[in-house]
C-alpha atoms as a PDB file:
ATOM      1  CA  MET A   1       2.716  13.797 -23.204  1.00  0.00           C
ATOM      2  CA  SER A   2       0.252  11.053 -23.795  1.00  0.00           C
ATOM      3  CA  ASP A   3      -3.507  11.227 -23.542  1.00  0.00           C
ATOM      4  CA  LYS A   4      -3.292   8.837 -20.509  1.00  0.00           C
ATOM      5  CA  TRP A   5      -1.106  11.471 -18.743  1.00  0.00           C
ATOM      6  CA  ASP A   6      -3.636  14.140 -19.319  1.00  0.00           C
ATOM      7  CA  GLU A   7      -6.396  11.745 -18.216  1.00  0.00           C
ATOM      8  CA  ALA A   8      -4.472  10.977 -15.057  1.00  0.00           C
ATOM      9  CA  ILE A   9      -4.170  14.711 -14.234  1.00  0.00           C
ATOM     10  CA  GLU A  10      -7.925  15.160 -14.797  1.00  0.00           C
ATOM     11  CA  ILE A  11      -8.858  12.158 -12.525  1.00  0.00           C
ATOM     12  CA  PHE A  12      -6.581  13.634  -9.800  1.00  0.00           C
ATOM     13  CA  THR A  13      -7.980  17.139 -10.264  1.00  0.00           C
ATOM     14  CA  LEU A  14     -11.570  15.771  -9.783  1.00  0.00           C
ATOM     15  CA  GLY A  15     -10.563  14.001  -6.528  1.00  0.00           C
ATOM     16  CA  ALA A  16      -8.816  17.093  -5.289  1.00  0.00           C
ATOM     17  CA  GLU A  17     -11.824  19.251  -5.998  1.00  0.00           C
ATOM     18  CA  MET A  18     -14.097  16.780  -4.220  1.00  0.00           C
ATOM     19  CA  SER A  19     -11.873  16.770  -1.183  1.00  0.00           C
ATOM     20  CA  LEU A  20     -11.736  20.604  -1.069  1.00  0.00           C
ATOM     21  CA  ASN A  21     -15.358  21.299  -1.810  1.00  0.00           C
ATOM     22  CA  TYR A  22     -17.020  18.579   0.324  1.00  0.00           C
ATOM     23  CA  HIS A  23     -14.468  18.111   3.184  1.00  0.00           C
ATOM     24  CA  ASP A  24     -12.655  21.365   3.165  1.00  0.00           C
ATOM     25  CA  GLU A  25      -9.270  19.529   3.223  1.00  0.00           C
ATOM     26  CA  PRO A  26      -6.559  18.686   0.619  1.00  0.00           C
ATOM     27  CA  ILE A  27      -6.711  15.308  -0.995  1.00  0.00           C
ATOM     28  CA  LYS A  28      -4.097  12.936   0.551  1.00  0.00           C
ATOM     29  CA  VAL A  29      -1.582  11.275  -1.803  1.00  0.00           C
ATOM     30  CA  CYS A  30      -0.547   7.799  -0.629  1.00  0.00           C
ATOM     31  CA  TYR A  31       3.174   7.447  -1.056  1.00  0.00           C
ATOM     32  CA  SER A  32       5.054   4.229  -0.642  1.00  0.00           C
ATOM     33  CA  GLY A  33       8.473   4.796  -2.060  1.00  0.00           C
ATOM     34  CA  GLY A  34       7.955   2.769  -5.147  1.00  0.00           C
ATOM     35  CA  LYS A  35       8.048   3.795  -8.777  1.00  0.00           C
ATOM     36  CA  ASP A  36       4.236   4.032  -9.172  1.00  0.00           C
ATOM     37  CA  SER A  37       3.917   6.388  -6.201  1.00  0.00           C
ATOM     38  CA  ASP A  38       6.745   8.497  -7.690  1.00  0.00           C
ATOM     39  CA  VAL A  39       4.787   8.860 -10.930  1.00  0.00           C
ATOM     40  CA  LEU A  40       1.560   9.532  -8.928  1.00  0.00           C
ATOM     41  CA  LEU A  41       3.456  12.355  -7.116  1.00  0.00           C
ATOM     42  CA  GLU A  42       4.402  13.861 -10.528  1.00  0.00           C
ATOM     43  CA  VAL A  43       0.705  13.680 -11.650  1.00  0.00           C
ATOM     44  CA  ALA A  44      -0.365  15.406  -8.393  1.00  0.00           C
ATOM     45  CA  LYS A  45       2.189  18.221  -8.914  1.00  0.00           C
ATOM     46  CA  ALA A  46       1.261  18.712 -12.603  1.00  0.00           C
ATOM     47  CA  SER A  47      -2.377  19.118 -11.588  1.00  0.00           C
ATOM     48  CA  GLY A  48      -1.597  22.380  -9.661  1.00  0.00           C
ATOM     49  CA  GLN A  49      -4.041  21.205  -6.935  1.00  0.00           C
ATOM     50  CA  PRO A  50      -3.188  21.348  -3.261  1.00  0.00           C
ATOM     51  CA  PHE A  51      -2.454  17.936  -1.703  1.00  0.00           C
ATOM     52  CA  ILE A  52      -0.819  16.323   1.275  1.00  0.00           C
ATOM     53  CA  LEU A  53       1.812  13.644   0.735  1.00  0.00           C
ATOM     54  CA  SER A  54       1.513  10.834   3.079  1.00  0.00           C
ATOM     55  CA  TYR A  55       3.567   7.722   3.885  1.00  0.00           C
ATOM     56  CA  ASN A  56       2.124   4.898   6.067  1.00  0.00           C
ATOM     57  CA  VAL A  57       4.896   3.659   8.242  1.00  0.00           C
ATOM     58  CA  THR A  58       4.852  -0.090   7.808  1.00  0.00           C
ATOM     59  CA  THR A  59       7.976  -0.871  10.062  1.00  0.00           C
ATOM     60  CA  VAL A  60       8.970  -3.445   7.430  1.00  0.00           C
ATOM     61  CA  ASP A  61      10.180  -1.254   4.583  1.00  0.00           C
ATOM     62  CA  SER A  62      13.874  -1.604   3.622  1.00  0.00           C
ATOM     63  CA  PRO A  63      16.444   1.059   4.660  1.00  0.00           C
ATOM     64  CA  ASP A  64      16.726   1.944   0.960  1.00  0.00           C
ATOM     65  CA  THR A  65      12.976   2.668   0.791  1.00  0.00           C
ATOM     66  CA  MET A  66      13.047   4.729   3.922  1.00  0.00           C
ATOM     67  CA  ARG A  67      16.024   6.727   2.668  1.00  0.00           C
ATOM     68  CA  HIS A  68      14.201   7.371  -0.559  1.00  0.00           C
ATOM     69  CA  ILE A  69      11.017   8.469   1.136  1.00  0.00           C
ATOM     70  CA  LYS A  70      12.872  10.817   3.464  1.00  0.00           C
ATOM     71  CA  GLU A  71      14.760  12.382   0.450  1.00  0.00           C
ATOM     72  CA  VAL A  72      11.562  12.908  -1.437  1.00  0.00           C
ATOM     73  CA  PHE A  73       9.824  14.400   1.543  1.00  0.00           C
ATOM     74  CA  ARG A  74      12.597  16.776   2.272  1.00  0.00           C
ATOM     75  CA  ARG A  75      12.629  17.915  -1.429  1.00  0.00           C
ATOM     76  CA  GLU A  76       8.857  18.427  -1.553  1.00  0.00           C
ATOM     77  CA  GLU A  77       8.658  20.251   1.771  1.00  0.00           C
ATOM     78  CA  GLN A  78      11.125  22.713   0.314  1.00  0.00           C
ATOM     79  CA  ASN A  79       8.636  23.107  -2.551  1.00  0.00           C
ATOM     80  CA  GLY A  80       5.913  23.941  -0.110  1.00  0.00           C
ATOM     81  CA  ILE A  81       4.157  20.561  -0.059  1.00  0.00           C
ATOM     82  CA  GLU A  82       2.915  19.237   3.359  1.00  0.00           C
ATOM     83  CA  CYS A  83       4.363  15.729   4.000  1.00  0.00           C
ATOM     84  CA  GLN A  84       3.201  13.393   6.727  1.00  0.00           C
ATOM     85  CA  PHE A  85       4.456  10.139   8.235  1.00  0.00           C
ATOM     86  CA  SER A  86       1.392   8.203   9.373  1.00  0.00           C
ATOM     87  CA  GLN A  87       2.191   5.967  12.333  1.00  0.00           C
ATOM     88  CA  PRO A  88       0.287   2.573  12.547  1.00  0.00           C
ATOM     89  CA  THR A  89      -1.857   1.859  15.601  1.00  0.00           C
ATOM     90  CA  TYR A  90      -3.731  -1.296  16.838  1.00  0.00           C
ATOM     91  CA  LYS A  91      -6.570  -0.930  19.250  1.00  0.00           C
ATOM     92  CA  GLY A  92      -5.574   2.649  19.846  1.00  0.00           C
ATOM     93  CA  LYS A  93      -1.913   2.011  20.610  1.00  0.00           C
ATOM     94  CA  PRO A  94       1.239   2.511  18.410  1.00  0.00           C
ATOM     95  CA  THR A  95       2.295  -0.852  16.873  1.00  0.00           C
ATOM     96  CA  THR A  96       4.826  -2.402  14.616  1.00  0.00           C
ATOM     97  CA  MET A  97       5.030  -5.768  12.673  1.00  0.00           C
ATOM     98  CA  TRP A  98       7.161  -7.168  15.582  1.00  0.00           C
ATOM     99  CA  LYS A  99       4.421  -6.368  18.084  1.00  0.00           C
ATOM    100  CA  LEU A 100       1.625  -7.639  15.880  1.00  0.00           C
ATOM    101  CA  ILE A 101       2.985 -11.052  15.314  1.00  0.00           C
ATOM    102  CA  PRO A 102       2.814 -12.161  18.987  1.00  0.00           C
ATOM    103  CA  ILE A 103      -0.501 -10.373  19.441  1.00  0.00           C
ATOM    104  CA  LYS A 104      -2.008 -12.173  16.436  1.00  0.00           C
ATOM    105  CA  LYS A 105      -0.345 -15.464  17.430  1.00  0.00           C
ATOM    106  CA  THR A 106       0.429 -16.335  13.824  1.00  0.00           C
ATOM    107  CA  PRO A 107       2.824 -15.063  11.138  1.00  0.00           C
ATOM    108  CA  PRO A 108       1.340 -13.101   8.323  1.00  0.00           C
ATOM    109  CA  THR A 109       0.544 -15.381   5.374  1.00  0.00           C
ATOM    110  CA  ARG A 110      -1.094 -15.076   1.969  1.00  0.00           C
ATOM    111  CA  LEU A 111      -4.515 -15.864   3.517  1.00  0.00           C
ATOM    112  CA  ILE A 112      -4.033 -14.081   6.882  1.00  0.00           C
ATOM    113  CA  ARG A 113      -2.847 -10.580   5.912  1.00  0.00           C
ATOM    114  CA  TYR A 114      -3.558  -8.630   9.091  1.00  0.00           C
ATOM    115  CA  CYS A 115      -0.369  -6.646   8.388  1.00  0.00           C
ATOM    116  CA  CYS A 116      -1.855  -4.990   5.258  1.00  0.00           C
ATOM    117  CA  GLU A 117      -4.915  -3.815   6.996  1.00  0.00           C
ATOM    118  CA  ILE A 118      -3.132  -2.451  10.055  1.00  0.00           C
ATOM    119  CA  LEU A 119       0.226  -1.268   8.724  1.00  0.00           C
ATOM    120  CA  LYS A 120      -0.628  -0.165   5.195  1.00  0.00           C
ATOM    121  CA  GLU A 121      -4.214   0.745   4.736  1.00  0.00           C
ATOM    122  CA  HIS A 122      -4.947   3.025   7.643  1.00  0.00           C
ATOM    123  CA  ALA A 123      -4.695   6.043   5.182  1.00  0.00           C
ATOM    124  CA  LEU A 124      -8.024   4.959   3.946  1.00  0.00           C
ATOM    125  CA  ASN A 125      -9.469   6.602   7.069  1.00  0.00           C
ATOM    126  CA  GLU A 126      -9.101   9.863   5.150  1.00  0.00           C
ATOM    127  CA  LYS A 127     -12.113  11.187   3.205  1.00  0.00           C
ATOM    128  CA  VAL A 128     -10.420  11.277  -0.168  1.00  0.00           C
ATOM    129  CA  VAL A 129      -7.113   9.621  -1.081  1.00  0.00           C
ATOM    130  CA  ALA A 130      -5.141   9.191  -4.277  1.00  0.00           C
ATOM    131  CA  THR A 131      -3.338   5.836  -4.798  1.00  0.00           C
ATOM    132  CA  GLY A 132      -0.907   4.462  -7.415  1.00  0.00           C
ATOM    133  CA  VAL A 133      -3.141   1.373  -8.148  1.00  0.00           C
ATOM    134  CA  ARG A 134      -2.733   0.146 -11.740  1.00  0.00           C
ATOM    135  CA  TRP A 135      -4.610  -2.556 -13.714  1.00  0.00           C
ATOM    136  CA  ALA A 136      -1.388  -4.027 -14.995  1.00  0.00           C
ATOM    137  CA  GLU A 137      -0.177  -4.960 -11.551  1.00  0.00           C
ATOM    138  CA  SER A 138      -2.364  -7.929 -10.908  1.00  0.00           C
ATOM    139  CA  THR A 139      -5.545  -9.763 -11.832  1.00  0.00           C
ATOM    140  CA  GLN A 140      -7.244  -8.449  -8.677  1.00  0.00           C
ATOM    141  CA  ARG A 141      -6.354  -4.927  -9.362  1.00  0.00           C
ATOM    142  CA  SER A 142      -7.533  -5.196 -13.002  1.00  0.00           C
ATOM    143  CA  THR A 143     -11.101  -5.083 -11.660  1.00  0.00           C
ATOM    144  CA  ARG A 144     -10.562  -1.705  -9.822  1.00  0.00           C
ATOM    145  CA  SER A 145     -12.038   1.582 -10.911  1.00  0.00           C
ATOM    146  CA  PRO A 146     -10.534   5.041 -11.532  1.00  0.00           C
ATOM    147  CA  ILE A 147     -12.729   6.319  -8.778  1.00  0.00           C
ATOM    148  CA  GLU A 148     -14.120   4.252  -5.919  1.00  0.00           C
ATOM    149  CA  THR A 149     -16.024   4.719  -2.813  1.00  0.00           C
ATOM    150  CA  LEU A 150     -14.802   2.731   0.241  1.00  0.00           C
ATOM    151  CA  ALA A 151     -16.929   1.167   2.992  1.00  0.00           C
ATOM    152  CA  GLY A 152     -14.663  -0.803   5.339  1.00  0.00           C
ATOM    153  CA  THR A 153     -12.796  -3.357   3.167  1.00  0.00           C
ATOM    154  CA  LYS A 154     -15.316  -3.131   0.348  1.00  0.00           C
ATOM    155  CA  ARG A 155     -15.020  -0.978  -2.757  1.00  0.00           C
ATOM    156  CA  ASP A 156     -17.878   0.348  -4.878  1.00  0.00           C
ATOM    157  CA  LYS A 157     -17.071   1.302  -8.389  1.00  0.00           C
ATOM    158  CA  VAL A 158     -18.573   4.613  -9.189  1.00  0.00           C
ATOM    159  CA  GLY A 159     -18.555   3.936 -12.900  1.00  0.00           C
ATOM    160  CA  TYR A 160     -16.700   7.080 -13.805  1.00  0.00           C
ATOM    161  CA  ASP A 161     -14.772   6.899 -17.088  1.00  0.00           C
ATOM    162  CA  PRO A 162     -12.826  10.042 -17.933  1.00  0.00           C
ATOM    163  CA  THR A 163     -12.617   8.976 -21.613  1.00  0.00           C
ATOM    164  CA  SER A 164     -16.405   9.094 -21.975  1.00  0.00           C
ATOM    165  CA  SER A 165     -17.637  11.982 -19.845  1.00  0.00           C
ATOM    166  CA  GLN A 166     -17.060  15.674 -19.599  1.00  0.00           C
ATOM    167  CA  MET A 167     -14.263  16.524 -17.139  1.00  0.00           C
ATOM    168  CA  THR A 168     -15.653  19.763 -15.615  1.00  0.00           C
ATOM    169  CA  PHE A 169     -16.914  18.446 -12.240  1.00  0.00           C
ATOM    170  CA  PHE A 170     -18.871  21.416 -10.920  1.00  0.00           C
ATOM    171  CA  GLY A 171     -21.839  22.984 -12.733  1.00  0.00           C
ATOM    172  CA  ASN A 172     -22.180  19.821 -14.778  1.00  0.00           C
ATOM    173  CA  ASP A 173     -25.243  17.589 -14.973  1.00  0.00           C
ATOM    174  CA  ASN A 174     -23.365  14.268 -15.857  1.00  0.00           C
ATOM    175  CA  THR A 175     -24.965  11.353 -13.996  1.00  0.00           C
ATOM    176  CA  ALA A 176     -21.796   9.612 -13.151  1.00  0.00           C
ATOM    177  CA  GLU A 177     -20.192  12.717 -11.721  1.00  0.00           C
ATOM    178  CA  ARG A 178     -23.369  13.578  -9.807  1.00  0.00           C
ATOM    179  CA  LYS A 179     -23.215  10.021  -8.289  1.00  0.00           C
ATOM    180  CA  ILE A 180     -19.697  10.635  -7.200  1.00  0.00           C
ATOM    181  CA  ALA A 181     -20.726  13.869  -5.467  1.00  0.00           C
ATOM    182  CA  GLU A 182     -23.596  12.080  -3.791  1.00  0.00           C
ATOM    183  CA  HIS A 183     -21.272   9.320  -2.410  1.00  0.00           C
ATOM    184  CA  CYS A 184     -18.826  11.956  -1.145  1.00  0.00           C
ATOM    185  CA  GLU A 185     -21.541  14.050   0.436  1.00  0.00           C
ATOM    186  CA  MET A 186     -22.883  11.038   2.217  1.00  0.00           C
ATOM    187  CA  GLY A 187     -19.571  10.776   4.009  1.00  0.00           C
ATOM    188  CA  LYS A 188     -18.208   7.724   2.307  1.00  0.00           C
ATOM    189  CA  LYS A 189     -14.468   7.466   1.858  1.00  0.00           C
ATOM    190  CA  THR A 190     -13.282   7.871  -1.770  1.00  0.00           C
ATOM    191  CA  ALA A 191     -10.204   6.637  -3.534  1.00  0.00           C
ATOM    192  CA  VAL A 192      -9.019   8.065  -6.874  1.00  0.00           C
ATOM    193  CA  ASN A 193      -6.479   6.099  -8.915  1.00  0.00           C
ATOM    194  CA  PRO A 194      -5.128   8.445 -11.489  1.00  0.00           C
ATOM    195  CA  ILE A 195      -2.544   6.204 -13.079  1.00  0.00           C
ATOM    196  CA  ILE A 196      -4.740   3.051 -13.167  1.00  0.00           C
ATOM    197  CA  LYS A 197      -4.591   2.655 -16.916  1.00  0.00           C
ATOM    198  CA  PHE A 198      -0.843   3.030 -17.297  1.00  0.00           C
ATOM    199  CA  SER A 199       1.005  -0.114 -18.490  1.00  0.00           C
ATOM    200  CA  ASP A 200       4.434  -0.994 -17.036  1.00  0.00           C
ATOM    201  CA  SER A 201       6.210   0.313 -20.194  1.00  0.00           C
ATOM    202  CA  GLU A 202       4.266   3.518 -19.866  1.00  0.00           C
ATOM    203  CA  ILE A 203       5.312   3.980 -16.250  1.00  0.00           C
ATOM    204  CA  TRP A 204       8.923   3.383 -17.188  1.00  0.00           C
ATOM    205  CA  ASN A 205       8.653   5.840 -20.119  1.00  0.00           C
ATOM    206  CA  ILE A 206       7.386   8.548 -17.826  1.00  0.00           C
ATOM    207  CA  ILE A 207      10.266   7.941 -15.372  1.00  0.00           C
ATOM    208  CA  ARG A 208      12.776   8.305 -18.179  1.00  0.00           C
ATOM    209  CA  GLU A 209      11.106  11.331 -19.730  1.00  0.00           C
ATOM    210  CA  GLN A 210      10.899  13.201 -16.438  1.00  0.00           C
ATOM    211  CA  ASN A 211      14.166  11.837 -15.061  1.00  0.00           C
ATOM    212  CA  ILE A 212      12.515  10.678 -11.828  1.00  0.00           C
ATOM    213  CA  LYS A 213      15.023   9.492  -9.173  1.00  0.00           C
ATOM    214  CA  LEU A 214      13.952   6.026  -7.976  1.00  0.00           C
ATOM    215  CA  ASN A 215      14.363   4.001  -4.958  1.00  0.00           C
ATOM    216  CA  ASP A 216      17.727   2.194  -4.880  1.00  0.00           C
ATOM    217  CA  MET A 217      15.941  -1.139  -4.565  1.00  0.00           C
ATOM    218  CA  TYR A 218      15.251  -1.006  -8.355  1.00  0.00           C
ATOM    219  CA  TYR A 219      19.001  -0.885  -8.926  1.00  0.00           C
ATOM    220  CA  LYS A 220      19.563  -3.962  -6.731  1.00  0.00           C
ATOM    221  CA  GLY A 221      17.384  -6.089  -9.054  1.00  0.00           C
ATOM    222  CA  TYR A 222      13.902  -5.695  -7.538  1.00  0.00           C
ATOM    223  CA  GLU A 223      11.047  -5.241  -9.902  1.00  0.00           C
ATOM    224  CA  ARG A 224       8.679  -4.129  -7.201  1.00  0.00           C
ATOM    225  CA  VAL A 225       9.217  -2.380  -3.868  1.00  0.00           C
ATOM    226  CA  GLY A 226       7.307  -3.604  -0.794  1.00  0.00           C
ATOM    227  CA  CYS A 227       7.484  -4.890   2.738  1.00  0.00           C
ATOM    228  CA  ILE A 228      10.515  -7.051   3.514  1.00  0.00           C
ATOM    229  CA  GLY A 229       9.319 -10.713   3.868  1.00  0.00           C
ATOM    230  CA  CYS A 230       5.851 -10.111   2.419  1.00  0.00           C
ATOM    231  CA  PRO A 231       4.332 -13.549   1.922  1.00  0.00           C
ATOM    232  CA  MET A 232       2.716 -12.401  -1.308  1.00  0.00           C
ATOM    233  CA  ALA A 233       6.167 -12.201  -2.873  1.00  0.00           C
ATOM    234  CA  SER A 234       7.878 -15.293  -4.285  1.00  0.00           C
ATOM    235  CA  VAL A 235      10.127 -17.421  -2.159  1.00  0.00           C
ATOM    236  CA  GLU A 236      13.064 -16.458  -4.277  1.00  0.00           C
ATOM    237  CA  ILE A 237      12.396 -12.696  -3.821  1.00  0.00           C
ATOM    238  CA  ARG A 238      11.933 -13.146  -0.017  1.00  0.00           C
ATOM    239  CA  TYR A 239      15.273 -15.005   0.297  1.00  0.00           C
ATOM    240  CA  LYS A 240      16.904 -12.172  -1.727  1.00  0.00           C
ATOM    241  CA  GLN A 241      15.355  -9.701   0.606  1.00  0.00           C
ATOM    242  CA  PHE A 242      16.618 -11.368   3.642  1.00  0.00           C
ATOM    243  CA  ALA A 243      20.132 -11.692   2.118  1.00  0.00           C
ATOM    244  CA  ASP A 244      20.207  -8.079   1.194  1.00  0.00           C
ATOM    245  CA  TYR A 245      18.621  -6.834   4.469  1.00  0.00           C
ATOM    246  CA  PRO A 246      19.575  -9.506   7.103  1.00  0.00           C
ATOM    247  CA  ILE A 247      18.438  -7.431  10.103  1.00  0.00           C
ATOM    248  CA  PHE A 248      14.875  -8.142   9.079  1.00  0.00           C
ATOM    249  CA  LYS A 249      15.386 -11.943   9.230  1.00  0.00           C
ATOM    250  CA  ASP A 250      16.573 -11.552  12.828  1.00  0.00           C
ATOM    251  CA  ARG A 251      13.621  -9.345  13.738  1.00  0.00           C
ATOM    252  CA  TYR A 252      11.179 -11.885  12.412  1.00  0.00           C
ATOM    253  CA  ILE A 253      12.797 -14.722  14.220  1.00  0.00           C
ATOM    254  CA  ARG A 254      12.711 -12.764  17.448  1.00  0.00           C
ATOM    255  CA  ALA A 255       8.987 -11.881  16.830  1.00  0.00           C
ATOM    256  CA  PHE A 256       8.236 -15.585  16.193  1.00  0.00           C
ATOM    257  CA  GLU A 257      10.008 -16.449  19.495  1.00  0.00           C
ATOM    258  CA  GLU A 258       7.671 -14.041  21.247  1.00  0.00           C
ATOM    259  CA  MET A 259       4.715 -15.485  19.398  1.00  0.00           C
ATOM    260  CA  LEU A 260       5.616 -18.992  20.571  1.00  0.00           C
ATOM    261  CA  LYS A 261       5.700 -17.698  24.163  1.00  0.00           C
ATOM    262  CA  THR A 262       2.203 -16.228  23.743  1.00  0.00           C
ATOM    263  CA  ARG A 263       0.901 -19.484  22.250  1.00  0.00           C
ATOM    264  CA  THR A 264       2.448 -21.585  25.022  1.00  0.00           C
ATOM    265  CA  ALA A 265       0.774 -19.362  27.588  1.00  0.00           C
ATOM    266  CA  ILE A 266      -2.683 -20.368  26.027  1.00  0.00           C
ATOM    267  CA  LYS A 267      -1.647 -24.011  25.878  1.00  0.00           C
ATOM    268  CA  SER A 268      -1.586 -24.183  22.057  1.00  0.00           C
ATOM    269  CA  GLN A 269      -0.301 -27.324  20.621  1.00  0.00           C
ATOM    270  CA  LEU A 270       2.503 -26.798  18.187  1.00  0.00           C
ATOM    271  CA  ASP A 271       5.339 -28.757  16.423  1.00  0.00           C
ATOM    272  CA  TRP A 272       7.546 -25.682  16.575  1.00  0.00           C
ATOM    273  CA  GLN A 273      10.227 -25.229  19.338  1.00  0.00           C
ATOM    274  CA  THR A 274      12.054 -22.181  18.125  1.00  0.00           C
ATOM    275  CA  GLY A 275      11.532 -18.900  16.148  1.00  0.00           C
ATOM    276  CA  GLN A 276      13.953 -20.324  13.485  1.00  0.00           C
ATOM    277  CA  GLU A 277      11.660 -23.270  12.952  1.00  0.00           C
ATOM    278  CA  VAL A 278       8.653 -20.915  12.451  1.00  0.00           C
ATOM    279  CA  PHE A 279      10.725 -18.887  10.077  1.00  0.00           C
ATOM    280  CA  ASP A 280      11.646 -22.046   8.018  1.00  0.00           C
ATOM    281  CA  TRP A 281       7.946 -23.043   7.888  1.00  0.00           C
ATOM    282  CA  TRP A 282       7.034 -19.470   6.926  1.00  0.00           C
ATOM    283  CA  MET A 283       9.510 -19.509   4.104  1.00  0.00           C
ATOM    284  CA  TYR A 284       8.109 -22.924   2.869  1.00  0.00           C
ATOM    285  CA  ASP A 285      11.302 -24.822   3.251  1.00  0.00           C
ATOM    286  CA  LYS A 286      10.050 -28.227   2.115  1.00  0.00           C
ATOM    287  CA  ASN A 287      13.346 -29.903   3.047  1.00  0.00           C
ATOM    288  CA  LEU A 288      12.620 -29.130   6.694  1.00  0.00           C
ATOM    289  CA  TRP A 289       8.792 -29.323   6.769  1.00  0.00           C
ATOM    290  CA  ARG A 290       7.207 -32.297   4.895  1.00  0.00           C
ATOM    291  CA  ASN A 291       3.784 -31.733   6.420  1.00  0.00           C
ATOM    292  CA  GLN A 292       2.996 -28.047   6.280  1.00  0.00           C
ATOM    293  CA  ILE A 293       1.163 -26.594   9.231  1.00  0.00           C
ATOM    294  CA  GLU A 294      -1.750 -24.374   8.393  1.00  0.00           C
ATOM    295  CA  MET A 295      -3.432 -21.760  10.650  1.00  0.00           C
ATOM    296  CA  ASN A 296      -6.751 -20.089  10.790  1.00  0.00           C
ATOM    297  CA  MET A 297      -7.508 -16.471  11.494  1.00  0.00           C
ATOM    298  CA  GLU A 298      -7.522 -17.131  15.243  1.00  0.00           C
ATOM    299  CA  GLY A 299      -4.000 -18.563  15.149  1.00  0.00           C
ATOM    300  CA  GLU A 300      -5.136 -22.140  15.720  1.00  0.00           C
ATOM    301  CA  THR A 301      -3.171 -24.848  13.931  1.00  0.00           C
ATOM    302  CA  THR A 302      -4.464 -27.389  11.565  1.00  0.00           C
ATOM    303  CA  LYS A 303      -2.870 -30.050   9.311  1.00  0.00           C
END
């Protein structure tokens, strides 16, 4: 196994020890049903450390993704690993994407991503979490660190580099490691990203070497697994998603209909008349919408 694999195990082990020693609870492994979280799970198991496997229910993951997650959870529970489905809430009440859209009075967009914060990131309420973030995924993620402290939506790089520091966490005087401990003791949330340095090809090599069973979405031509209709995906991918999983198109259109009712109640001026028209705008169909409508965070329209 590569040096990066050993390094990933060491990073995970450090996070697991932090969680046990400072918070008296196992580290929580964030699982999404994608290939990176499958590799992260193998790292966690190889470490020999106790952990909880957790999936944040987004309500917009495909049936294939949900089927894969349930299969993995059943298998790991048989192996003695605790698995949790974390349900999203908004202002203390259970929620879904379909409830959020009318409440927020705007569809989720590249700039207005309330869905990520509410539906995907609530696991960050845990003291120590392990994620499948990798530098190779995007320019934004290339600035992330193997270990980070979290304060709200802000991340603080601890500056820990497993390639240049001794890995024994306790009984060691290393400055970077001591800084990690101080952050943890102060009650800040901590994220460890064990596979952060893996390239795409290295991830696929591990999947082949360890014969990891993947989400069926990869066999349907998807390179990445995520929420159906996510505005961060290309228009082509989104159209493919709605063709493969048409029930989600219907759900979005119904949610947009409810959104329009809410906006009408507050006398909001709109060019839209139906949920289908909102959907067409949301999908950036330029044949139907020459002058694109823009929205601010309060759901107010501008042009």
